[in-house]
N, C-alpha and C. Protein backbone atom coordinates (compact mmCIF):
# COMPACT_ATOMS: atom_id res chain seq x y z
N MET A 1 -22.58 -14.89 -10.14
CA MET A 1 -21.23 -14.47 -8.86
C MET A 1 -20.33 -13.89 -9.17
N LYS A 2 -18.83 -13.13 -8.49
CA LYS A 2 -18.06 -12.38 -9.56
C LYS A 2 -16.85 -13.79 -8.80
N LYS A 3 -15.80 -13.52 -9.84
CA LYS A 3 -14.81 -14.94 -9.96
C LYS A 3 -13.81 -13.57 -9.21
N LYS A 4 -13.40 -15.05 -8.99
CA LYS A 4 -12.02 -14.72 -7.53
C LYS A 4 -10.87 -14.11 -8.48
N VAL A 5 -10.10 -13.30 -7.44
CA VAL A 5 -9.23 -12.69 -8.01
C VAL A 5 -7.71 -14.09 -8.96
N TRP A 6 -8.04 -14.73 -8.68
CA TRP A 6 -6.73 -15.63 -8.89
C TRP A 6 -7.34 -16.93 -10.22
N ASN A 7 -8.87 -16.39 -10.43
CA ASN A 7 -8.77 -17.20 -12.24
C ASN A 7 -9.88 -16.22 -12.81
N LYS A 8 -9.22 -15.11 -12.08
CA LYS A 8 -9.63 -14.21 -13.81
C LYS A 8 -8.56 -14.57 -14.14
N PRO A 9 -8.34 -14.04 -16.11
CA PRO A 9 -6.58 -14.17 -16.64
C PRO A 9 -5.84 -13.35 -16.15
N ASN A 10 -5.12 -12.72 -16.96
CA ASN A 10 -3.79 -11.87 -16.70
C ASN A 10 -4.18 -10.36 -16.83
N PRO A 11 -4.33 -9.20 -16.80
CA PRO A 11 -4.68 -8.52 -17.19
C PRO A 11 -3.54 -8.19 -18.77
N LYS A 12 -3.89 -7.08 -19.53
CA LYS A 12 -3.41 -7.92 -20.63
C LYS A 12 -2.04 -5.83 -20.66
N LYS A 13 -1.78 -5.23 -19.85
CA LYS A 13 -0.84 -4.28 -19.74
C LYS A 13 -0.25 -4.93 -19.11
N LYS A 14 1.51 -4.18 -19.16
CA LYS A 14 2.89 -4.90 -18.40
C LYS A 14 2.93 -4.10 -17.35
N SER A 15 3.12 -4.96 -16.10
CA SER A 15 2.86 -4.35 -14.64
C SER A 15 4.44 -3.84 -14.26
N THR A 16 3.89 -3.78 -13.38
CA THR A 16 5.66 -2.75 -13.16
C THR A 16 5.62 -3.74 -11.61
N PRO A 17 7.00 -3.67 -11.41
CA PRO A 17 7.57 -3.89 -10.08
C PRO A 17 7.05 -3.37 -8.61
N LEU A 18 6.91 -3.61 -7.87
CA LEU A 18 6.68 -3.34 -6.35
C LEU A 18 7.48 -2.43 -5.95
N THR A 19 7.42 -0.89 -5.46
CA THR A 19 8.28 -0.66 -5.11
C THR A 19 8.60 -0.10 -3.65
N PRO A 20 9.81 -0.07 -2.85
CA PRO A 20 10.45 -0.82 -1.53
C PRO A 20 9.22 -0.69 -1.03
N SER A 21 8.54 0.94 -0.70
CA SER A 21 7.28 1.48 0.19
C SER A 21 6.09 0.17 0.28
N GLN A 22 5.93 -0.38 -1.02
CA GLN A 22 4.66 -1.02 -0.91
C GLN A 22 5.30 -2.36 -1.46
N LYS A 23 6.53 -3.01 -1.03
CA LYS A 23 6.99 -4.43 -0.62
C LYS A 23 6.67 -4.32 0.84
N ALA A 24 7.27 -3.31 1.37
CA ALA A 24 6.78 -3.09 3.15
C ALA A 24 5.91 -3.37 3.33
N ALA A 25 4.60 -2.26 2.75
CA ALA A 25 3.20 -2.57 3.32
C ALA A 25 2.99 -3.90 3.04
N ALA A 26 2.75 -4.69 2.01
CA ALA A 26 2.90 -6.10 1.61
C ALA A 26 3.27 -6.57 2.43
N LYS A 27 4.16 -6.22 3.37
CA LYS A 27 4.43 -7.51 4.72
C LYS A 27 4.07 -6.55 5.54
N LYS A 28 3.27 -5.98 5.70
CA LYS A 28 3.29 -5.45 6.84
C LYS A 28 1.67 -6.16 6.72
N ALA A 29 0.87 -5.98 5.97
CA ALA A 29 -0.29 -6.27 5.90
C ALA A 29 -0.58 -8.06 6.09
N ALA A 30 0.48 -8.49 5.88
CA ALA A 30 0.64 -10.10 5.90
C ALA A 30 1.46 -10.73 7.59
N LYS A 31 1.47 -9.67 7.66
CA LYS A 31 2.05 -10.03 9.35
C LYS A 31 0.76 -10.16 9.84
N LEU A 32 0.12 -9.02 9.76
CA LEU A 32 -1.28 -8.22 10.56
C LEU A 32 -2.15 -9.48 9.86
N GLY A 33 -2.43 -10.93 9.27
CA GLY A 33 -2.56 -11.12 8.47
C GLY A 33 -2.31 -12.72 8.98
N GLY A 34 -1.55 -12.71 9.43
CA GLY A 34 -0.73 -14.26 10.29
C GLY A 34 -0.35 -14.51 9.96
N ARG A 35 0.13 -14.06 7.86
CA ARG A 35 1.32 -14.99 7.38
C ARG A 35 3.22 -14.68 7.84
N LYS A 36 3.84 -15.67 7.74
CA LYS A 36 5.08 -14.89 6.89
C LYS A 36 5.38 -14.31 6.05
N TYR A 37 4.92 -14.63 5.02
CA TYR A 37 5.08 -14.19 3.25
C TYR A 37 3.56 -13.36 2.96
N PRO A 38 3.39 -12.17 2.13
CA PRO A 38 2.16 -11.20 1.33
C PRO A 38 1.30 -12.56 0.89
N ASN A 39 0.88 -12.24 0.05
CA ASN A 39 0.02 -13.10 -0.67
C ASN A 39 -0.05 -12.32 -2.14
N LEU A 40 -1.02 -12.30 -2.51
CA LEU A 40 -1.47 -12.33 -4.04
C LEU A 40 -2.49 -10.52 -3.78
N VAL A 41 -3.46 -10.85 -3.21
CA VAL A 41 -3.87 -9.99 -2.39
C VAL A 41 -2.66 -8.42 -1.20
N ASP A 42 -2.54 -8.76 -1.35
CA ASP A 42 -1.82 -8.41 -0.22
C ASP A 42 -0.49 -7.44 -1.24
N ASN A 43 -0.36 -7.79 -1.95
CA ASN A 43 0.73 -7.57 -3.67
C ASN A 43 -0.29 -6.86 -3.99
N MET A 44 -1.94 -6.97 -4.43
CA MET A 44 -2.02 -5.84 -5.39
C MET A 44 -2.93 -5.15 -4.35
N ASN A 45 -2.59 -5.24 -3.22
CA ASN A 45 -3.61 -4.02 -2.43
C ASN A 45 -2.50 -3.13 -2.69
N ALA A 46 -1.23 -3.60 -1.96
CA ALA A 46 0.38 -2.71 -1.88
C ALA A 46 0.18 -2.38 -3.27
N ALA A 47 -0.16 -2.41 -4.41
CA ALA A 47 -0.18 -2.17 -5.96
C ALA A 47 -1.01 -0.86 -6.21
N LYS A 48 -1.99 -0.68 -5.23
CA LYS A 48 -3.42 0.04 -5.73
C LYS A 48 -2.25 1.76 -4.59
N GLN A 49 -1.57 1.49 -3.48
CA GLN A 49 -0.91 2.40 -3.39
C GLN A 49 -1.02 3.90 -4.53
N LYS A 50 -0.94 4.99 -3.94
CA LYS A 50 -0.13 5.73 -4.98
C LYS A 50 1.57 5.41 -4.75
N ARG A 51 2.06 5.82 -5.38
CA ARG A 51 3.70 5.36 -5.69
C ARG A 51 4.42 6.50 -5.26
N THR A 52 5.21 6.64 -4.32
CA THR A 52 6.06 7.49 -3.93
C THR A 52 7.51 7.59 -4.16
N SER A 53 7.92 8.21 -5.54
CA SER A 53 9.52 8.56 -5.44
C SER A 53 10.28 9.83 -4.55
N GLY A 54 11.39 9.24 -4.54
CA GLY A 54 11.61 9.90 -3.52
C GLY A 54 11.60 10.43 -1.92
N PRO A 55 12.40 11.18 -1.08
CA PRO A 55 12.22 11.20 -0.14
C PRO A 55 10.95 11.70 0.13
N LYS A 56 10.02 11.79 1.78
CA LYS A 56 9.16 12.08 2.20
C LYS A 56 9.39 14.08 2.49
N LYS A 57 8.69 14.87 1.94
CA LYS A 57 8.68 15.44 2.26
C LYS A 57 8.55 15.74 3.93
N ALA A 58 9.38 17.01 4.23
CA ALA A 58 9.77 17.74 5.73
C ALA A 58 8.83 18.05 5.87
N PRO A 59 7.54 18.26 7.13
CA PRO A 59 6.07 18.78 7.55
C PRO A 59 6.47 20.57 7.69
N ILE A 60 6.08 20.80 7.47
CA ILE A 60 6.13 22.84 7.66
C ILE A 60 6.54 22.60 9.72
N VAL A 61 7.70 23.67 9.36
CA VAL A 61 7.61 23.70 10.59
C VAL A 61 7.38 25.48 11.10
N GLY A 62 7.21 25.93 12.04
CA GLY A 62 7.08 27.51 12.80
C GLY A 62 5.41 27.74 13.31
N ARG A 63 4.12 26.49 12.51
CA ARG A 63 2.99 26.99 13.42
C ARG A 63 2.58 25.69 14.20
N PRO A 64 2.15 26.01 15.04
CA PRO A 64 2.67 24.45 15.91
C PRO A 64 0.99 24.52 15.74
N SER A 65 0.17 22.94 15.57
CA SER A 65 -0.50 22.68 15.58
C SER A 65 -1.82 22.66 16.65
N VAL A 66 -2.91 23.28 16.37
CA VAL A 66 -4.08 23.05 17.00
C VAL A 66 -4.98 22.44 17.44
N ASP A 67 -5.73 21.81 18.15
CA ASP A 67 -6.58 20.96 18.44
C ASP A 67 -7.93 22.65 18.22
N THR A 68 -8.91 22.25 17.30
CA THR A 68 -9.70 23.82 17.37
C THR A 68 -10.99 22.56 17.65
N ARG A 69 -11.46 20.75 17.97
CA ARG A 69 -12.24 21.01 18.20
C ARG A 69 -13.14 21.03 19.83
N VAL A 70 -14.55 21.61 19.55
CA VAL A 70 -14.87 22.01 21.19
C VAL A 70 -14.91 21.01 22.20
N LYS A 71 -14.24 21.06 23.26
CA LYS A 71 -14.64 20.06 24.95
C LYS A 71 -15.81 20.08 25.67
């Protein structure tokens, strides 16, 4: 049987703090789960997200998006 995450030993590598966007994702997951604060699993899932640095790039303007599906 697979061990629960809280029964496993801590990883040997150094951990890094969550970015503000990762914290927001963890808080959102907690709210969707009916919790006031994020738990360990929410934080772990948020930490798995790709780390972003700096502002988001603006979308390319000039070509409208076209729906190519057949109706």
